[in-house]
Amino acid sequence: MLAPSTTADSTCPACATRGTNACQPIADHEYGLSWIAAYATCGACATCFQAPMPAGSQLADFYPADYHSMGRRGFLTRLRFDLRARRLLSLVDGEGPILDHGCGDGSFLLRAAERMPGRQLFGYEIGRDREVKELAGGQVTLIKGSDADLWDVLPSCRLITMNHVIEHLPDPEQTLARLRERLLPGGWFEGQTPAASSLEHRVFGGRWSGYHAPRHTVVFSPAGLSSLLERTGFVQVEVKGAFNPAAIAVSLASLSQPAHAPGRITRSGLGWLFWLGLAATLAPLDLLSGAPGIIDFRARSGE
């Protein structure tokens, strides 16, 4: 059973406001881990974040071998990959590599290599041990390990992308500052992430997919994310609503899980197709609400 809500004196990782914030314990409704995460809510920007924050050495243990970003296949996956590659190409206006920070097993990069011939692609995924390997004839380099392992290999990049990754970082300010230093002048940083100040969050509460406890460390509000990007030196910051029915599907499927105990959602089969279909009918309403559950962001490194 979950402990009752408490309060914690903490500094918001998004807007840096210091205060005493209410904390809500959230169970893992997707992979059934017994770890219960406590999330504080910033009174200034409405960003949610774990308090206490899990140590970096703990994070790798939160991802099971069958985590959904591993081993992705199928027509819908390829379609999403192609749409994402097209979006990235629209932001690439010069020479230089692309980094997919939080690349999973690298399947997106292998697909992107087919759409971006000649473009060097790097991928990074957290891991306990260092591993660097080259794929696609050397066009794709995958780095697994610590942040130090990434900085040791990564060159200056034209574009850095985080697709549902920024919310997994235990110290987003430090990571974003280092990544901005690795961007070429005028290079783009872009991605997608859940929005804490969303209608979906208010409707589903502790079952909201945006928590993804305990793997999501900081769940940003649009205001909080904009503040963080500006504080770490990015310019031309843009944050706007996005279309992602899969996130709503996870929230809906969580309703079939115990409210205050770990549960598990299978992202395959007829059951998952049912939740996806229902979510697709609700997604337009989510966007029209003016407070969608998912947001896109992008910003430039400056000249």
C-alpha atoms as a PDB file:
ATOM      1  CA  MET A   1       0.000   0.000   0.000  1.00  0.00           C
ATOM      2  CA  LEU A   2       1.096   3.550  -0.639  1.00  0.00           C
ATOM      3  CA  ALA A   3       2.132   5.870   2.139  1.00  0.00           C
ATOM      4  CA  PRO A   4      -0.063   8.957   2.680  1.00  0.00           C
ATOM      5  CA  SER A   5       0.819  12.197   0.932  1.00  0.00           C
ATOM      6  CA  THR A   6       3.550  14.238   2.619  1.00  0.00           C
ATOM      7  CA  THR A   7       5.461  17.445   1.959  1.00  0.00           C
ATOM      8  CA  ALA A   8       9.094  18.071   1.097  1.00  0.00           C
ATOM      9  CA  ASP A   9      11.372  21.106   1.048  1.00  0.00           C
ATOM     10  CA  SER A  10      12.785  21.016  -2.468  1.00  0.00           C
ATOM     11  CA  THR A  11      13.968  23.043  -5.450  1.00  0.00           C
ATOM     12  CA  CYS A  12      12.038  22.653  -8.692  1.00  0.00           C
ATOM     13  CA  PRO A  13      14.333  21.175 -11.389  1.00  0.00           C
ATOM     14  CA  ALA A  14      12.424  23.167 -14.030  1.00  0.00           C
ATOM     15  CA  CYS A  15      12.060  26.741 -12.771  1.00  0.00           C
ATOM     16  CA  ALA A  16      14.488  26.541  -9.777  1.00  0.00           C
ATOM     17  CA  THR A  17      11.855  27.803  -7.310  1.00  0.00           C
ATOM     18  CA  ARG A  18      12.560  26.681  -3.749  1.00  0.00           C
ATOM     19  CA  GLY A  19       9.607  25.781  -1.567  1.00  0.00           C
ATOM     20  CA  THR A  20       7.676  23.286   0.503  1.00  0.00           C
ATOM     21  CA  ASN A  21       5.736  21.151  -1.932  1.00  0.00           C
ATOM     22  CA  ALA A  22       3.092  18.475  -1.450  1.00  0.00           C
ATOM     23  CA  CYS A  23       4.289  14.966  -2.372  1.00  0.00           C
ATOM     24  CA  GLN A  24       2.109  12.214  -3.819  1.00  0.00           C
ATOM     25  CA  PRO A  25       3.193   8.536  -3.832  1.00  0.00           C
ATOM     26  CA  ILE A  26       2.713   6.901  -7.256  1.00  0.00           C
ATOM     27  CA  ALA A  27       2.928   3.168  -8.023  1.00  0.00           C
ATOM     28  CA  ASP A  28       4.263   1.596 -11.221  1.00  0.00           C
ATOM     29  CA  HIS A  29       1.127   0.736 -13.229  1.00  0.00           C
ATOM     30  CA  GLU A  30       3.030  -0.392 -16.342  1.00  0.00           C
ATOM     31  CA  TYR A  31       5.811  -2.825 -15.393  1.00  0.00           C
ATOM     32  CA  GLY A  32       4.836  -3.838 -11.871  1.00  0.00           C
ATOM     33  CA  LEU A  33       7.985  -2.675 -10.067  1.00  0.00           C
ATOM     34  CA  SER A  34       7.599  -2.566  -6.299  1.00  0.00           C
ATOM     35  CA  TRP A  35       9.403   0.805  -6.054  1.00  0.00           C
ATOM     36  CA  ILE A  36       6.999   3.566  -5.001  1.00  0.00           C
ATOM     37  CA  ALA A  37       7.985   7.014  -6.265  1.00  0.00           C
ATOM     38  CA  ALA A  38       7.010  10.208  -4.433  1.00  0.00           C
ATOM     39  CA  TYR A  39       6.299  13.223  -6.675  1.00  0.00           C
ATOM     40  CA  ALA A  40       6.330  16.827  -5.490  1.00  0.00           C
ATOM     41  CA  THR A  41       4.462  19.527  -7.431  1.00  0.00           C
ATOM     42  CA  CYS A  42       6.067  22.941  -7.862  1.00  0.00           C
ATOM     43  CA  GLY A  43       3.759  25.682  -6.639  1.00  0.00           C
ATOM     44  CA  ALA A  44       5.261  28.167  -9.116  1.00  0.00           C
ATOM     45  CA  CYS A  45       5.244  26.314 -12.468  1.00  0.00           C
ATOM     46  CA  ALA A  46       3.235  23.095 -11.747  1.00  0.00           C
ATOM     47  CA  THR A  47       6.090  20.793 -12.793  1.00  0.00           C
ATOM     48  CA  CYS A  48       6.086  17.424 -10.985  1.00  0.00           C
ATOM     49  CA  PHE A  49       9.332  15.802  -9.849  1.00  0.00           C
ATOM     50  CA  GLN A  50      10.479  12.978  -7.635  1.00  0.00           C
ATOM     51  CA  ALA A  51      11.441  13.956  -4.098  1.00  0.00           C
ATOM     52  CA  PRO A  52      13.775  12.496  -3.154  1.00  0.00           C
ATOM     53  CA  MET A  53      15.291  12.106  -6.610  1.00  0.00           C
ATOM     54  CA  PRO A  54      16.570   8.575  -7.314  1.00  0.00           C
ATOM     55  CA  ALA A  55      20.325   8.233  -7.683  1.00  0.00           C
ATOM     56  CA  GLY A  56      21.731   7.770 -11.160  1.00  0.00           C
ATOM     57  CA  SER A  57      22.947   4.288 -10.189  1.00  0.00           C
ATOM     58  CA  GLN A  58      19.337   3.278  -9.422  1.00  0.00           C
ATOM     59  CA  LEU A  59      17.802   4.404 -12.703  1.00  0.00           C
ATOM     60  CA  ALA A  60      19.091   1.559 -14.875  1.00  0.00           C
ATOM     61  CA  ASP A  61      17.339  -0.940 -12.585  1.00  0.00           C
ATOM     62  CA  PHE A  62      13.957   0.670 -13.339  1.00  0.00           C
ATOM     63  CA  TYR A  63      13.990  -0.548 -16.960  1.00  0.00           C
ATOM     64  CA  PRO A  64      13.107  -4.237 -17.487  1.00  0.00           C
ATOM     65  CA  ALA A  65      14.488  -6.213 -20.417  1.00  0.00           C
ATOM     66  CA  ASP A  66      11.095  -5.994 -22.193  1.00  0.00           C
ATOM     67  CA  TYR A  67      10.850  -2.197 -21.851  1.00  0.00           C
ATOM     68  CA  HIS A  68       8.740  -0.820 -24.697  1.00  0.00           C
ATOM     69  CA  SER A  69      11.540   1.175 -26.353  1.00  0.00           C
ATOM     70  CA  MET A  70      13.435  -2.066 -26.981  1.00  0.00           C
ATOM     71  CA  GLY A  71      12.794  -4.326 -29.959  1.00  0.00           C
ATOM     72  CA  ARG A  72      10.179  -2.122 -31.646  1.00  0.00           C
ATOM     73  CA  ARG A  73       8.914  -3.546 -34.942  1.00  0.00           C
ATOM     74  CA  GLY A  74       5.871  -3.476 -37.209  1.00  0.00           C
ATOM     75  CA  PHE A  75       4.167  -1.177 -39.705  1.00  0.00           C
ATOM     76  CA  LEU A  76       2.940   1.431 -37.201  1.00  0.00           C
ATOM     77  CA  THR A  77       6.385   1.677 -35.651  1.00  0.00           C
ATOM     78  CA  ARG A  78       8.000   2.233 -39.053  1.00  0.00           C
ATOM     79  CA  LEU A  79       5.383   4.880 -39.840  1.00  0.00           C
ATOM     80  CA  ARG A  80       6.136   6.738 -36.596  1.00  0.00           C
ATOM     81  CA  PHE A  81       9.859   6.469 -37.275  1.00  0.00           C
ATOM     82  CA  ASP A  82       9.440   7.904 -40.784  1.00  0.00           C
ATOM     83  CA  LEU A  83       7.341  10.815 -39.516  1.00  0.00           C
ATOM     84  CA  ARG A  84       9.910  11.554 -36.828  1.00  0.00           C
ATOM     85  CA  ALA A  85      12.785  11.378 -39.334  1.00  0.00           C
ATOM     86  CA  ARG A  86      10.933  13.813 -41.594  1.00  0.00           C
ATOM     87  CA  ARG A  87      10.513  16.244 -38.679  1.00  0.00           C
ATOM     88  CA  LEU A  88      14.213  16.046 -37.835  1.00  0.00           C
ATOM     89  CA  LEU A  89      15.215  16.618 -41.450  1.00  0.00           C
ATOM     90  CA  SER A  90      13.170  19.838 -41.450  1.00  0.00           C
ATOM     91  CA  LEU A  91      15.409  21.157 -38.641  1.00  0.00           C
ATOM     92  CA  VAL A  92      18.756  20.116 -40.128  1.00  0.00           C
ATOM     93  CA  ASP A  93      20.114  23.097 -42.072  1.00  0.00           C
ATOM     94  CA  GLY A  94      23.783  22.263 -42.272  1.00  0.00           C
ATOM     95  CA  GLU A  95      26.465  19.614 -41.894  1.00  0.00           C
ATOM     96  CA  GLY A  96      27.005  17.747 -38.651  1.00  0.00           C
ATOM     97  CA  PRO A  97      25.867  14.634 -36.787  1.00  0.00           C
ATOM     98  CA  ILE A  98      22.519  13.989 -35.096  1.00  0.00           C
ATOM     99  CA  LEU A  99      22.269  12.589 -31.551  1.00  0.00           C
ATOM    100  CA  ASP A 100      19.234  10.611 -30.378  1.00  0.00           C
ATOM    101  CA  HIS A 101      19.592  10.902 -26.593  1.00  0.00           C
ATOM    102  CA  GLY A 102      17.697   7.956 -25.111  1.00  0.00           C
ATOM    103  CA  CYS A 103      17.714   5.840 -28.253  1.00  0.00           C
ATOM    104  CA  GLY A 104      16.564   2.527 -26.756  1.00  0.00           C
ATOM    105  CA  ASP A 105      17.926  -0.273 -28.914  1.00  0.00           C
ATOM    106  CA  GLY A 106      18.698   2.129 -31.770  1.00  0.00           C
ATOM    107  CA  SER A 107      15.920   0.898 -34.054  1.00  0.00           C
ATOM    108  CA  PHE A 108      14.834   4.458 -34.899  1.00  0.00           C
ATOM    109  CA  LEU A 109      18.375   5.402 -35.901  1.00  0.00           C
ATOM    110  CA  LEU A 110      18.661   2.409 -38.195  1.00  0.00           C
ATOM    111  CA  ARG A 111      15.457   3.488 -39.926  1.00  0.00           C
ATOM    112  CA  ALA A 112      16.607   7.129 -39.994  1.00  0.00           C
ATOM    113  CA  ALA A 113      19.893   6.103 -41.607  1.00  0.00           C
ATOM    114  CA  GLU A 114      17.897   4.951 -44.641  1.00  0.00           C
ATOM    115  CA  ARG A 115      16.211   8.361 -44.844  1.00  0.00           C
ATOM    116  CA  MET A 116      19.393  10.377 -44.206  1.00  0.00           C
ATOM    117  CA  PRO A 117      22.171   8.867 -46.334  1.00  0.00           C
ATOM    118  CA  GLY A 118      25.556  10.323 -45.496  1.00  0.00           C
ATOM    119  CA  ARG A 119      24.429  11.843 -42.180  1.00  0.00           C
ATOM    120  CA  GLN A 120      26.337  10.555 -39.142  1.00  0.00           C
ATOM    121  CA  LEU A 121      23.923   9.392 -36.421  1.00  0.00           C
ATOM    122  CA  PHE A 122      24.686   8.823 -32.744  1.00  0.00           C
ATOM    123  CA  GLY A 123      22.483   7.196 -30.108  1.00  0.00           C
ATOM    124  CA  TYR A 124      22.845   7.136 -26.326  1.00  0.00           C
ATOM    125  CA  GLU A 125      21.152   4.911 -23.757  1.00  0.00           C
ATOM    126  CA  ILE A 126      21.792   4.666 -20.021  1.00  0.00           C
ATOM    127  CA  GLY A 127      23.518   1.496 -18.820  1.00  0.00           C
ATOM    128  CA  ARG A 128      25.682   0.157 -16.031  1.00  0.00           C
ATOM    129  CA  ASP A 129      28.532  -0.847 -18.358  1.00  0.00           C
ATOM    130  CA  ARG A 130      30.135   1.047 -21.227  1.00  0.00           C
ATOM    131  CA  GLU A 131      29.418  -0.284 -24.708  1.00  0.00           C
ATOM    132  CA  VAL A 132      30.097   1.446 -28.031  1.00  0.00           C
ATOM    133  CA  LYS A 133      29.184  -0.183 -31.321  1.00  0.00           C
ATOM    134  CA  GLU A 134      28.816   0.854 -34.935  1.00  0.00           C
ATOM    135  CA  LEU A 135      25.925  -0.201 -37.172  1.00  0.00           C
ATOM    136  CA  ALA A 136      24.672   0.525 -40.700  1.00  0.00           C
ATOM    137  CA  GLY A 137      28.157   0.405 -42.160  1.00  0.00           C
ATOM    138  CA  GLY A 138      29.469   2.869 -39.574  1.00  0.00           C
ATOM    139  CA  GLN A 139      26.767   5.498 -40.157  1.00  0.00           C
ATOM    140  CA  VAL A 140      25.175   4.782 -36.744  1.00  0.00           C
ATOM    141  CA  THR A 141      27.152   4.778 -33.474  1.00  0.00           C
ATOM    142  CA  LEU A 142      25.375   3.502 -30.348  1.00  0.00           C
ATOM    143  CA  ILE A 143      26.767   4.429 -26.926  1.00  0.00           C
ATOM    144  CA  LYS A 144      25.552   2.699 -23.774  1.00  0.00           C
ATOM    145  CA  GLY A 145      26.743   3.563 -20.286  1.00  0.00           C
ATOM    146  CA  SER A 146      27.083   6.687 -18.145  1.00  0.00           C
ATOM    147  CA  ASP A 147      26.976  10.343 -19.153  1.00  0.00           C
ATOM    148  CA  ALA A 148      30.781  10.327 -19.014  1.00  0.00           C
ATOM    149  CA  ASP A 149      30.817   7.580 -21.634  1.00  0.00           C
ATOM    150  CA  LEU A 150      28.655   9.738 -23.907  1.00  0.00           C
ATOM    151  CA  TRP A 151      30.784  12.882 -23.536  1.00  0.00           C
ATOM    152  CA  ASP A 152      33.895  10.822 -24.259  1.00  0.00           C
ATOM    153  CA  VAL A 153      32.601   9.764 -27.702  1.00  0.00           C
ATOM    154  CA  LEU A 154      30.154  12.438 -28.877  1.00  0.00           C
ATOM    155  CA  PRO A 155      31.351  15.101 -31.369  1.00  0.00           C
ATOM    156  CA  SER A 156      29.675  18.481 -31.900  1.00  0.00           C
ATOM    157  CA  CYS A 157      26.195  17.926 -33.368  1.00  0.00           C
ATOM    158  CA  ARG A 158      23.877  19.738 -35.744  1.00  0.00           C
ATOM    159  CA  LEU A 159      20.786  18.448 -33.940  1.00  0.00           C
ATOM    160  CA  ILE A 160      20.017  16.656 -30.652  1.00  0.00           C
ATOM    161  CA  THR A 161      16.668  14.951 -30.182  1.00  0.00           C
ATOM    162  CA  MET A 162      14.962  13.576 -27.062  1.00  0.00           C
ATOM    163  CA  ASN A 163      11.769  11.669 -27.822  1.00  0.00           C
ATOM    164  CA  HIS A 164      10.151  11.067 -24.413  1.00  0.00           C
ATOM    165  CA  VAL A 165      13.524  11.176 -22.692  1.00  0.00           C
ATOM    166  CA  ILE A 166      13.932  14.563 -20.977  1.00  0.00           C
ATOM    167  CA  GLU A 167      11.451  13.431 -18.300  1.00  0.00           C
ATOM    168  CA  HIS A 168      13.794  10.526 -17.401  1.00  0.00           C
ATOM    169  CA  LEU A 169      16.766  12.722 -16.423  1.00  0.00           C
ATOM    170  CA  PRO A 170      17.609  13.021 -12.693  1.00  0.00           C
ATOM    171  CA  ASP A 171      19.454  16.329 -13.255  1.00  0.00           C
ATOM    172  CA  PRO A 172      17.974  17.867 -16.436  1.00  0.00           C
ATOM    173  CA  GLU A 173      19.658  21.249 -15.982  1.00  0.00           C
ATOM    174  CA  GLN A 174      23.140  19.754 -15.922  1.00  0.00           C
ATOM    175  CA  THR A 175      22.433  17.398 -18.840  1.00  0.00           C
ATOM    176  CA  LEU A 176      20.886  20.101 -21.039  1.00  0.00           C
ATOM    177  CA  ALA A 177      23.742  22.504 -20.339  1.00  0.00           C
ATOM    178  CA  ARG A 178      26.272  19.867 -21.423  1.00  0.00           C
ATOM    179  CA  LEU A 179      24.238  18.980 -24.518  1.00  0.00           C
ATOM    180  CA  ARG A 180      23.969  22.640 -25.561  1.00  0.00           C
ATOM    181  CA  GLU A 181      27.768  22.819 -25.434  1.00  0.00           C
ATOM    182  CA  ARG A 182      27.872  19.913 -27.929  1.00  0.00           C
ATOM    183  CA  LEU A 183      25.571  21.660 -30.410  1.00  0.00           C
ATOM    184  CA  LEU A 184      27.065  23.480 -33.363  1.00  0.00           C
ATOM    185  CA  PRO A 185      26.181  27.205 -33.611  1.00  0.00           C
ATOM    186  CA  GLY A 186      22.516  27.488 -34.565  1.00  0.00           C
ATOM    187  CA  GLY A 187      21.906  23.788 -33.952  1.00  0.00           C
ATOM    188  CA  TRP A 188      18.514  22.559 -32.761  1.00  0.00           C
ATOM    189  CA  PHE A 189      17.508  20.699 -29.610  1.00  0.00           C
ATOM    190  CA  GLU A 190      14.049  19.135 -29.912  1.00  0.00           C
ATOM    191  CA  GLY A 191      11.779  16.477 -28.476  1.00  0.00           C
ATOM    192  CA  GLN A 192       8.470  15.437 -26.987  1.00  0.00           C
ATOM    193  CA  THR A 193       7.440  14.929 -23.353  1.00  0.00           C
ATOM    194  CA  PRO A 194       4.347  14.670 -21.090  1.00  0.00           C
ATOM    195  CA  ALA A 195       2.808  17.893 -19.763  1.00  0.00           C
ATOM    196  CA  ALA A 196       2.166  18.032 -16.018  1.00  0.00           C
ATOM    197  CA  SER A 197      -0.365  20.875 -16.227  1.00  0.00           C
ATOM    198  CA  SER A 198      -2.594  18.934 -18.633  1.00  0.00           C
ATOM    199  CA  LEU A 199      -6.258  17.993 -18.659  1.00  0.00           C
ATOM    200  CA  GLU A 200      -5.258  14.329 -18.907  1.00  0.00           C
ATOM    201  CA  HIS A 201      -3.244  14.623 -15.680  1.00  0.00           C
ATOM    202  CA  ARG A 202      -6.197  16.196 -13.874  1.00  0.00           C
ATOM    203  CA  VAL A 203      -8.595  13.506 -15.135  1.00  0.00           C
ATOM    204  CA  PHE A 204      -6.467  10.415 -14.396  1.00  0.00           C
ATOM    205  CA  GLY A 205      -4.586  11.615 -11.312  1.00  0.00           C
ATOM    206  CA  GLY A 206      -2.140   9.004 -10.020  1.00  0.00           C
ATOM    207  CA  ARG A 207      -2.964   6.692 -12.933  1.00  0.00           C
ATOM    208  CA  TRP A 208      -1.837   9.259 -15.528  1.00  0.00           C
ATOM    209  CA  SER A 209       0.672   7.817 -17.999  1.00  0.00           C
ATOM    210  CA  GLY A 210       2.863  10.914 -17.666  1.00  0.00           C
ATOM    211  CA  TYR A 211       4.120   9.729 -14.283  1.00  0.00           C
ATOM    212  CA  HIS A 212       5.438   6.422 -15.695  1.00  0.00           C
ATOM    213  CA  ALA A 213       6.700   5.858 -12.144  1.00  0.00           C
ATOM    214  CA  PRO A 214       9.423   5.402 -11.149  1.00  0.00           C
ATOM    215  CA  ARG A 215      11.143   6.007 -14.512  1.00  0.00           C
ATOM    216  CA  HIS A 216       9.977   9.610 -15.031  1.00  0.00           C
ATOM    217  CA  THR A 217      11.981  11.806 -12.701  1.00  0.00           C
ATOM    218  CA  VAL A 218      10.733  15.256 -13.817  1.00  0.00           C
ATOM    219  CA  VAL A 219       7.372  15.763 -15.547  1.00  0.00           C
ATOM    220  CA  PHE A 220       7.430  19.290 -16.920  1.00  0.00           C
ATOM    221  CA  SER A 221       4.711  21.835 -17.359  1.00  0.00           C
ATOM    222  CA  PRO A 222       5.040  23.954 -20.534  1.00  0.00           C
ATOM    223  CA  ALA A 223       6.051  26.946 -18.392  1.00  0.00           C
ATOM    224  CA  GLY A 224       8.566  24.893 -16.431  1.00  0.00           C
ATOM    225  CA  LEU A 225      10.148  23.409 -19.548  1.00  0.00           C
ATOM    226  CA  SER A 226      10.436  26.825 -21.192  1.00  0.00           C
ATOM    227  CA  SER A 227      12.104  28.146 -18.049  1.00  0.00           C
ATOM    228  CA  LEU A 228      14.621  25.301 -17.986  1.00  0.00           C
ATOM    229  CA  LEU A 229      15.547  25.696 -21.652  1.00  0.00           C
ATOM    230  CA  GLU A 230      16.088  29.428 -21.227  1.00  0.00           C
ATOM    231  CA  ARG A 231      18.103  28.983 -18.015  1.00  0.00           C
ATOM    232  CA  THR A 232      20.443  26.537 -19.752  1.00  0.00           C
ATOM    233  CA  GLY A 233      21.197  29.037 -22.513  1.00  0.00           C
ATOM    234  CA  PHE A 234      18.881  27.999 -25.350  1.00  0.00           C
ATOM    235  CA  VAL A 235      17.178  30.583 -27.561  1.00  0.00           C
ATOM    236  CA  GLN A 236      14.103  30.576 -29.834  1.00  0.00           C
ATOM    237  CA  VAL A 237      12.326  28.334 -27.332  1.00  0.00           C
ATOM    238  CA  GLU A 238       9.023  26.863 -28.562  1.00  0.00           C
ATOM    239  CA  VAL A 239       6.684  24.584 -26.572  1.00  0.00           C
ATOM    240  CA  LYS A 240       3.348  23.477 -28.027  1.00  0.00           C
ATOM    241  CA  GLY A 241       0.737  20.720 -27.795  1.00  0.00           C
ATOM    242  CA  ALA A 242       1.311  17.401 -29.581  1.00  0.00           C
ATOM    243  CA  PHE A 243      -0.725  14.437 -30.832  1.00  0.00           C
ATOM    244  CA  ASN A 244       0.143  11.107 -29.166  1.00  0.00           C
ATOM    245  CA  PRO A 245      -2.764   8.645 -28.644  1.00  0.00           C
ATOM    246  CA  ALA A 246      -0.437   6.003 -27.161  1.00  0.00           C
ATOM    247  CA  ALA A 247       0.030   8.117 -24.024  1.00  0.00           C
ATOM    248  CA  ILE A 248      -3.739   8.354 -23.533  1.00  0.00           C
ATOM    249  CA  ALA A 249      -4.008   4.605 -24.159  1.00  0.00           C
ATOM    250  CA  VAL A 250      -1.644   3.911 -21.255  1.00  0.00           C
ATOM    251  CA  SER A 251      -3.689   6.198 -18.984  1.00  0.00           C
ATOM    252  CA  LEU A 252      -6.873   4.384 -19.992  1.00  0.00           C
ATOM    253  CA  ALA A 253      -5.313   0.940 -19.529  1.00  0.00           C
ATOM    254  CA  SER A 254      -4.120   1.994 -16.060  1.00  0.00           C
ATOM    255  CA  LEU A 255      -7.763   2.157 -14.998  1.00  0.00           C
ATOM    256  CA  SER A 256      -7.761  -1.658 -15.087  1.00  0.00           C
ATOM    257  CA  GLN A 257      -4.824  -1.764 -12.632  1.00  0.00           C
ATOM    258  CA  PRO A 258      -4.951  -1.554  -8.827  1.00  0.00           C
ATOM    259  CA  ALA A 259      -5.192   2.085  -7.773  1.00  0.00           C
ATOM    260  CA  HIS A 260      -2.540   1.969  -5.043  1.00  0.00           C
ATOM    261  CA  ALA A 261      -0.353  -1.001  -5.952  1.00  0.00           C
ATOM    262  CA  PRO A 262       1.941  -2.009  -8.826  1.00  0.00           C
ATOM    263  CA  GLY A 263       0.344  -3.383 -11.995  1.00  0.00           C
ATOM    264  CA  ARG A 264       1.345  -4.277 -15.516  1.00  0.00           C
ATOM    265  CA  ILE A 265       0.174  -3.181 -18.978  1.00  0.00           C
ATOM    266  CA  THR A 266       0.923  -5.279 -22.052  1.00  0.00           C
ATOM    267  CA  ARG A 267       1.548  -3.110 -25.108  1.00  0.00           C
ATOM    268  CA  SER A 268       0.541  -5.746 -27.623  1.00  0.00           C
ATOM    269  CA  GLY A 269      -2.431  -7.896 -28.604  1.00  0.00           C
ATOM    270  CA  LEU A 270      -6.138  -7.166 -28.930  1.00  0.00           C
ATOM    271  CA  GLY A 271      -6.361  -5.559 -25.506  1.00  0.00           C
ATOM    272  CA  TRP A 272      -3.753  -2.945 -26.405  1.00  0.00           C
ATOM    273  CA  LEU A 273      -5.434  -2.322 -29.778  1.00  0.00           C
ATOM    274  CA  PHE A 274      -8.688  -1.651 -27.922  1.00  0.00           C
ATOM    275  CA  TRP A 275      -7.059   0.960 -25.691  1.00  0.00           C
ATOM    276  CA  LEU A 276      -5.309   2.552 -28.686  1.00  0.00           C
ATOM    277  CA  GLY A 277      -8.578   2.764 -30.618  1.00  0.00           C
ATOM    278  CA  LEU A 278     -10.372   4.381 -27.704  1.00  0.00           C
ATOM    279  CA  ALA A 279      -7.479   6.772 -27.179  1.00  0.00           C
ATOM    280  CA  ALA A 280      -7.503   7.782 -30.856  1.00  0.00           C
ATOM    281  CA  THR A 281     -11.112   8.934 -30.524  1.00  0.00           C
ATOM    282  CA  LEU A 282     -10.242  11.019 -27.452  1.00  0.00           C
ATOM    283  CA  ALA A 283      -6.962  12.504 -28.705  1.00  0.00           C
ATOM    284  CA  PRO A 284      -8.585  15.338 -30.729  1.00  0.00           C
ATOM    285  CA  LEU A 285     -10.496  16.423 -27.606  1.00  0.00           C
ATOM    286  CA  ASP A 286      -7.211  16.383 -25.697  1.00  0.00           C
ATOM    287  CA  LEU A 287      -5.656  18.777 -28.216  1.00  0.00           C
ATOM    288  CA  LEU A 288      -8.731  21.022 -28.352  1.00  0.00           C
ATOM    289  CA  SER A 289      -8.751  21.315 -24.548  1.00  0.00           C
ATOM    290  CA  GLY A 290      -5.841  23.759 -24.727  1.00  0.00           C
ATOM    291  CA  ALA A 291      -3.983  21.649 -22.146  1.00  0.00           C
ATOM    292  CA  PRO A 292      -2.904  18.473 -23.971  1.00  0.00           C
ATOM    293  CA  GLY A 293      -1.134  15.651 -22.150  1.00  0.00           C
ATOM    294  CA  ILE A 294       1.862  15.694 -24.516  1.00  0.00           C
ATOM    295  CA  ILE A 295       3.957  18.652 -25.682  1.00  0.00           C
ATOM    296  CA  ASP A 296       6.574  19.156 -28.393  1.00  0.00           C
ATOM    297  CA  PHE A 297       9.541  21.427 -27.713  1.00  0.00           C
ATOM    298  CA  ARG A 298      12.428  22.852 -29.666  1.00  0.00           C
ATOM    299  CA  ALA A 299      15.121  25.466 -29.113  1.00  0.00           C
ATOM    300  CA  ARG A 300      18.386  26.598 -30.708  1.00  0.00           C
ATOM    301  CA  SER A 301      21.887  26.709 -29.288  1.00  0.00           C
ATOM    302  CA  GLY A 302      22.485  30.298 -30.346  1.00  0.00           C
ATOM    303  CA  GLU A 303      25.193  31.594 -32.651  1.00  0.00           C
END
